[in-house]
Protein backbone atom coordinates (compact mmCIF):
# COMPACT_ATOMS: atom_id res chain seq x y z
CA UNK A 1 0.00 0.00 0.00
CA UNK A 2 3.00 2.30 0.50
CA UNK A 3 1.15 4.62 2.90
CA UNK A 4 4.45 5.64 4.44
CA UNK A 5 6.48 6.18 1.27
CA UNK A 6 8.77 9.17 1.72
CA UNK A 7 8.44 9.04 5.53
CA UNK A 8 11.19 8.21 8.02
CA UNK A 9 10.87 6.27 11.26
CA UNK A 10 13.20 5.60 14.18
CA UNK A 11 12.60 2.32 15.97
CA UNK A 12 14.44 1.38 19.14
CA UNK A 13 14.51 -2.20 20.35
CA UNK A 14 14.11 -3.52 16.81
CA UNK A 15 15.87 -6.84 17.43
CA UNK A 16 12.96 -8.58 19.12
CA UNK A 17 9.36 -8.36 20.21
CA UNK A 18 7.23 -5.33 19.43
CA UNK A 19 10.14 -3.30 18.04
CA UNK A 20 10.97 -6.03 15.53
CA UNK A 21 7.34 -6.32 14.43
CA UNK A 22 7.10 -2.53 14.02
CA UNK A 23 10.24 -2.53 11.87
CA UNK A 24 8.77 -5.24 9.62
CA UNK A 25 5.41 -3.46 9.35
CA UNK A 26 6.94 -0.08 8.54
CA UNK A 27 9.21 -1.68 5.93
CA UNK A 28 6.18 -3.25 4.27
CA UNK A 29 4.57 0.19 4.12
CA UNK A 30 7.69 1.55 2.34
CA UNK A 31 8.99 3.74 5.16
CA UNK A 32 12.72 4.40 5.30
CA UNK A 33 13.96 3.70 8.79
CA UNK A 34 16.75 3.56 11.28
CA UNK A 35 16.65 0.61 13.64
CA UNK A 36 18.62 0.18 16.82
CA UNK A 37 19.05 -2.36 19.53
CA UNK A 38 20.85 -2.57 22.81
CA UNK A 39 23.68 -5.03 23.19
CA UNK A 40 24.95 -5.86 26.66
CA UNK A 41 28.52 -7.07 26.78
CA UNK A 42 30.04 -8.71 29.81
CA UNK A 43 33.65 -7.96 30.56
PDB file of N, CA and C in Angstrom:
ATOM      1  N   UNK A   1       0.810  -1.195   0.000  1.00  0.00           N
ATOM      2  CA  UNK A   1       0.000   0.000   0.000  1.00  0.00           C
ATOM      3  C   UNK A   1       0.855   1.261   0.000  1.00  0.00           C
ATOM      4  N   UNK A   2       2.053   1.192   0.519  1.00  0.00           N
ATOM      5  CA  UNK A   2       3.003   2.304   0.504  1.00  0.00           C
ATOM      6  C   UNK A   2       2.463   3.580   1.143  1.00  0.00           C
ATOM      7  N   UNK A   3       1.699   3.438   2.207  1.00  0.00           N
ATOM      8  CA  UNK A   3       1.147   4.616   2.897  1.00  0.00           C
ATOM      9  C   UNK A   3       2.230   5.483   3.514  1.00  0.00           C
ATOM     10  N   UNK A   4       3.388   4.898   3.773  1.00  0.00           N
ATOM     11  CA  UNK A   4       4.453   5.643   4.439  1.00  0.00           C
ATOM     12  C   UNK A   4       5.605   5.991   3.508  1.00  0.00           C
ATOM     13  N   UNK A   5       5.410   5.870   2.219  1.00  0.00           N
ATOM     14  CA  UNK A   5       6.477   6.184   1.269  1.00  0.00           C
ATOM     15  C   UNK A   5       6.916   7.630   1.448  1.00  0.00           C
ATOM     16  N   UNK A   6       8.229   7.834   1.528  1.00  0.00           N
ATOM     17  CA  UNK A   6       8.772   9.171   1.719  1.00  0.00           C
ATOM     18  C   UNK A   6       8.844   9.596   3.175  1.00  0.00           C
ATOM     19  N   UNK A   7       8.396   8.745   4.099  1.00  0.00           N
ATOM     20  CA  UNK A   7       8.439   9.043   5.531  1.00  0.00           C
ATOM     21  C   UNK A   7       9.615   8.306   6.154  1.00  0.00           C
ATOM     22  N   UNK A   8      10.091   8.818   7.280  1.00  0.00           N
ATOM     23  CA  UNK A   8      11.185   8.209   8.015  1.00  0.00           C
ATOM     24  C   UNK A   8      10.707   7.828   9.403  1.00  0.00           C
ATOM     25  N   UNK A   9      11.202   6.709   9.907  1.00  0.00           N
ATOM     26  CA  UNK A   9      10.867   6.268  11.257  1.00  0.00           C
ATOM     27  C   UNK A   9      12.141   5.875  11.996  1.00  0.00           C
ATOM     28  N   UNK A  10      12.122   6.044  13.298  1.00  0.00           N
ATOM     29  CA  UNK A  10      13.204   5.603  14.177  1.00  0.00           C
ATOM     30  C   UNK A  10      12.594   4.589  15.128  1.00  0.00           C
ATOM     31  N   UNK A  11      13.119   3.392  15.117  1.00  0.00           N
ATOM     32  CA  UNK A  11      12.596   2.323  15.968  1.00  0.00           C
ATOM     33  C   UNK A  11      13.711   1.857  16.885  1.00  0.00           C
ATOM     34  N   UNK A  12      13.465   1.914  18.185  1.00  0.00           N
ATOM     35  CA  UNK A  12      14.441   1.382  19.143  1.00  0.00           C
ATOM     36  C   UNK A  12      13.952   0.010  19.593  1.00  0.00           C
ATOM     37  N   UNK A  13      14.872  -0.850  19.936  1.00  0.00           N
ATOM     38  CA  UNK A  13      14.512  -2.198  20.350  1.00  0.00           C
ATOM     39  C   UNK A  13      14.025  -3.052  19.196  1.00  0.00           C
ATOM     40  N   UNK A  14      14.611  -2.855  18.019  1.00  0.00           N
ATOM     41  CA  UNK A  14      14.111  -3.520  16.813  1.00  0.00           C
ATOM     42  C   UNK A  14      14.634  -4.942  16.629  1.00  0.00           C
ATOM     43  N   UNK A  15      15.334  -5.493  17.605  1.00  0.00           N
ATOM     44  CA  UNK A  15      15.875  -6.840  17.429  1.00  0.00           C
ATOM     45  C   UNK A  15      14.911  -7.927  17.881  1.00  0.00           C
ATOM     46  N   UNK A  16      13.891  -7.553  18.644  1.00  0.00           N
ATOM     47  CA  UNK A  16      12.960  -8.578  19.118  1.00  0.00           C
ATOM     48  C   UNK A  16      11.622  -7.959  19.514  1.00  0.00           C
ATOM     49  N   UNK A  17      10.649  -8.784  19.685  1.00  0.00           N
ATOM     50  CA  UNK A  17       9.357  -8.363  20.206  1.00  0.00           C
ATOM     51  C   UNK A  17       8.635  -7.316  19.375  1.00  0.00           C
ATOM     52  N   UNK A  18       8.037  -6.366  20.075  1.00  0.00           N
ATOM     53  CA  UNK A  18       7.233  -5.334  19.429  1.00  0.00           C
ATOM     54  C   UNK A  18       8.067  -4.463  18.491  1.00  0.00           C
ATOM     55  N   UNK A  19       9.282  -4.107  18.898  1.00  0.00           N
ATOM     56  CA  UNK A  19      10.141  -3.296  18.037  1.00  0.00           C
ATOM     57  C   UNK A  19      10.443  -3.967  16.716  1.00  0.00           C
ATOM     58  N   UNK A  20      10.702  -5.277  16.764  1.00  0.00           N
ATOM     59  CA  UNK A  20      10.966  -6.034  15.535  1.00  0.00           C
ATOM     60  C   UNK A  20       9.735  -6.046  14.637  1.00  0.00           C
ATOM     61  N   UNK A  21       8.570  -6.277  15.224  1.00  0.00           N
ATOM     62  CA  UNK A  21       7.345  -6.315  14.430  1.00  0.00           C
ATOM     63  C   UNK A  21       7.044  -4.951  13.818  1.00  0.00           C
ATOM     64  N   UNK A  22       7.284  -3.879  14.566  1.00  0.00           N
ATOM     65  CA  UNK A  22       7.096  -2.534  14.020  1.00  0.00           C
ATOM     66  C   UNK A  22       8.028  -2.294  12.836  1.00  0.00           C
ATOM     67  N   UNK A  23       9.283  -2.713  12.957  1.00  0.00           N
ATOM     68  CA  UNK A  23      10.241  -2.530  11.867  1.00  0.00           C
ATOM     69  C   UNK A  23       9.769  -3.250  10.609  1.00  0.00           C
ATOM     70  N   UNK A  24       9.268  -4.466  10.767  1.00  0.00           N
ATOM     71  CA  UNK A  24       8.773  -5.235   9.621  1.00  0.00           C
ATOM     72  C   UNK A  24       7.561  -4.548   9.005  1.00  0.00           C
ATOM     73  N   UNK A  25       6.634  -4.118   9.839  1.00  0.00           N
ATOM     74  CA  UNK A  25       5.415  -3.464   9.348  1.00  0.00           C
ATOM     75  C   UNK A  25       5.726  -2.169   8.620  1.00  0.00           C
ATOM     76  N   UNK A  26       6.580  -1.337   9.199  1.00  0.00           N
ATOM     77  CA  UNK A  26       6.943  -0.081   8.544  1.00  0.00           C
ATOM     78  C   UNK A  26       7.661  -0.337   7.222  1.00  0.00           C
ATOM     79  N   UNK A  27       8.514  -1.349   7.176  1.00  0.00           N
ATOM     80  CA  UNK A  27       9.211  -1.679   5.926  1.00  0.00           C
ATOM     81  C   UNK A  27       8.221  -2.093   4.847  1.00  0.00           C
ATOM     82  N   UNK A  28       7.209  -2.839   5.238  1.00  0.00           N
ATOM     83  CA  UNK A  28       6.178  -3.253   4.273  1.00  0.00           C
ATOM     84  C   UNK A  28       5.403  -2.058   3.733  1.00  0.00           C
ATOM     85  N   UNK A  29       5.299  -1.022   4.534  1.00  0.00           N
ATOM     86  CA  UNK A  29       4.573   0.189   4.120  1.00  0.00           C
ATOM     87  C   UNK A  29       5.508   1.197   3.440  1.00  0.00           C
ATOM     88  N   UNK A  30       6.721   0.770   3.114  1.00  0.00           N
ATOM     89  CA  UNK A  30       7.689   1.552   2.337  1.00  0.00           C
ATOM     90  C   UNK A  30       8.305   2.722   3.079  1.00  0.00           C
ATOM     91  N   UNK A  31       8.326   2.679   4.396  1.00  0.00           N
ATOM     92  CA  UNK A  31       8.991   3.742   5.156  1.00  0.00           C
ATOM     93  C   UNK A  31      10.491   3.473   5.194  1.00  0.00           C
ATOM     94  N   UNK A  32      11.282   4.522   5.103  1.00  0.00           N
ATOM     95  CA  UNK A  32      12.723   4.396   5.304  1.00  0.00           C
ATOM     96  C   UNK A  32      12.942   4.490   6.808  1.00  0.00           C
ATOM     97  N   UNK A  33      13.834   3.679   7.341  1.00  0.00           N
ATOM     98  CA  UNK A  33      13.961   3.695   8.789  1.00  0.00           C
ATOM     99  C   UNK A  33      15.356   3.460   9.290  1.00  0.00           C
ATOM    100  N   UNK A  34      15.524   3.820  10.544  1.00  0.00           N
ATOM    101  CA  UNK A  34      16.747   3.556  11.282  1.00  0.00           C
ATOM    102  C   UNK A  34      16.348   2.685  12.454  1.00  0.00           C
ATOM    103  N   UNK A  35      16.958   1.517  12.553  1.00  0.00           N
ATOM    104  CA  UNK A  35      16.646   0.606  13.642  1.00  0.00           C
ATOM    105  C   UNK A  35      17.818   0.548  14.587  1.00  0.00           C
ATOM    106  N   UNK A  36      17.537   0.335  15.857  1.00  0.00           N
ATOM    107  CA  UNK A  36      18.623   0.184  16.824  1.00  0.00           C
ATOM    108  C   UNK A  36      18.245  -0.887  17.833  1.00  0.00           C
ATOM    109  N   UNK A  37      19.267  -1.402  18.462  1.00  0.00           N
ATOM    110  CA  UNK A  37      19.046  -2.361  19.528  1.00  0.00           C
ATOM    111  C   UNK A  37      20.146  -2.194  20.565  1.00  0.00           C
ATOM    112  N   UNK A  38      19.880  -2.659  21.733  1.00  0.00           N
ATOM    113  CA  UNK A  38      20.854  -2.568  22.813  1.00  0.00           C
ATOM    114  C   UNK A  38      21.575  -3.901  22.924  1.00  0.00           C
ATOM    115  N   UNK A  39      22.875  -3.826  23.026  1.00  0.00           N
ATOM    116  CA  UNK A  39      23.681  -5.029  23.195  1.00  0.00           C
ATOM    117  C   UNK A  39      24.442  -4.879  24.517  1.00  0.00           C
ATOM    118  N   UNK A  40      24.268  -5.872  25.372  1.00  0.00           N
ATOM    119  CA  UNK A  40      24.949  -5.856  26.661  1.00  0.00           C
ATOM    120  C   UNK A  40      26.135  -6.807  26.566  1.00  0.00           C
ATOM    121  N   UNK A  41      27.301  -6.256  26.822  1.00  0.00           N
ATOM    122  CA  UNK A  41      28.519  -7.067  26.780  1.00  0.00           C
ATOM    123  C   UNK A  41      29.026  -7.285  28.199  1.00  0.00           C
ATOM    124  N   UNK A  42      29.424  -8.504  28.509  1.00  0.00           N
ATOM    125  CA  UNK A  42      30.043  -8.711  29.810  1.00  0.00           C
ATOM    126  C   UNK A  42      31.560  -8.696  29.670  1.00  0.00           C
ATOM    127  N   UNK A  43      32.173  -8.055  30.582  1.00  0.00           N
ATOM    128  CA  UNK A  43      33.646  -7.959  30.559  1.00  0.00           C
ATOM    129  C   UNK A  43      34.250  -8.629  31.739  1.00  0.00           C
TER     130      UNK A  43
END
